[in-house]
Amino acid sequence: MPSESPQASLKNDPLPLQLMMVTGTSGSGKTQALKCLEDLGFFCVDNLPPALFQKFTELCIQPDKDVRKVALGIDIRERAFFEDLLSNLEALQSDGCHVELLFLEAHDDILVRRFSESRRPHPLLPHRPIIEGIQLERERLQSLRARAHRVLDTSEFSVHDLKAWIIKHYRERGEGQVLKLSLMSFGYKFGVPFDVDMVFDVRFLRNPHFVPDLQPLTGEHGDIQRFVLDTREAKVFLDHLKELFAFLLPMFEREQRSYVTVAFGCTGGRHRSVAMVLRMKEILNILGYDVTIHHREISKEANPG
């Protein structure tokens, strides 16, 4: 018996692929919209040629992939590209794929201001005044705009407003905003990490570096954890941190924050900060959050190359 084609599999699938096409005028927020959709679990690809749409969807529905939500960023600048897009969209819909086209736009003066603030030329006419590129792009996108399922004017939107709108319209029913927490330990003598949201200095805690039997160990060892954390100062500090995060993290979720990275630093990044990160992971798990951890200096030792 011949095997079922990928197109037939897509058409008969009880959970068809949800495909979002994000397009619109340059400067209207397409890149930010894709980032928001990625936070909601969409597999996002920017500027995939339309000729590859069908092959791409076939790969997504393979049993070992099981991708069900895809968002594609589409940048239309050539008329031939536009015709290619429409024919491939029709082919996907014929195969049973659920396709939604989201078109973003903004007023001319807003787009001019955004380009000026970013100091970028208009991609369609990089050597001409920005307003000319905007007007030409509007003409070329007119037919595509007419086919859109949703047209969103982002003129009055901040980045947070756009994210809230995306969440409201594309988060699955019953699906909550998941705040991803990352905890990092580091050593101040190797520099403060720059890509974190909050930093706590734990060099005030008792230091096992000066205890010969403890010095070779790391904060992952139980003896180090007891030495560092079984003191009044450490317990009071942990109680305050628990209260702080119990208050703060719901506020971050209310503002649709997706990622929060918190770093704890000691002198060398091997003892006190590591023990603190491990204990904070336990506390945040109790508060209901999934947490990933990274011990920066220990990782360097494990991977010296």
Foldseek 3Di string as FASTA:
>chain_A
DDDDDLLLCQQPPPQHAAEEEEEAFPQQCSVLLQVLVVLLPAAEDEADQLVCVVVVSSVCVPPVRVHRHYYYYHYDQDLVSVVSNVVSVVVSVVSVHHYAYEYGDEDLVLSLVSCVVVVAARVNCRPDRNSVSRVVSCVSCVVVVVVHPYYYYCHVPDSLRSSVVSCVPPRDVPDARAAEEEEEFAAPVVPDDDPADEEAELQVFDDCCPPVVPNVAFQVDPVLLCRGQVDPVNVVVVVVVLVVCLPPVVVCSVSSHHYHYYYYYHHGQGGNRSSVRVVVCVSVVVVPHHYHYYRVRVVCVVVVD
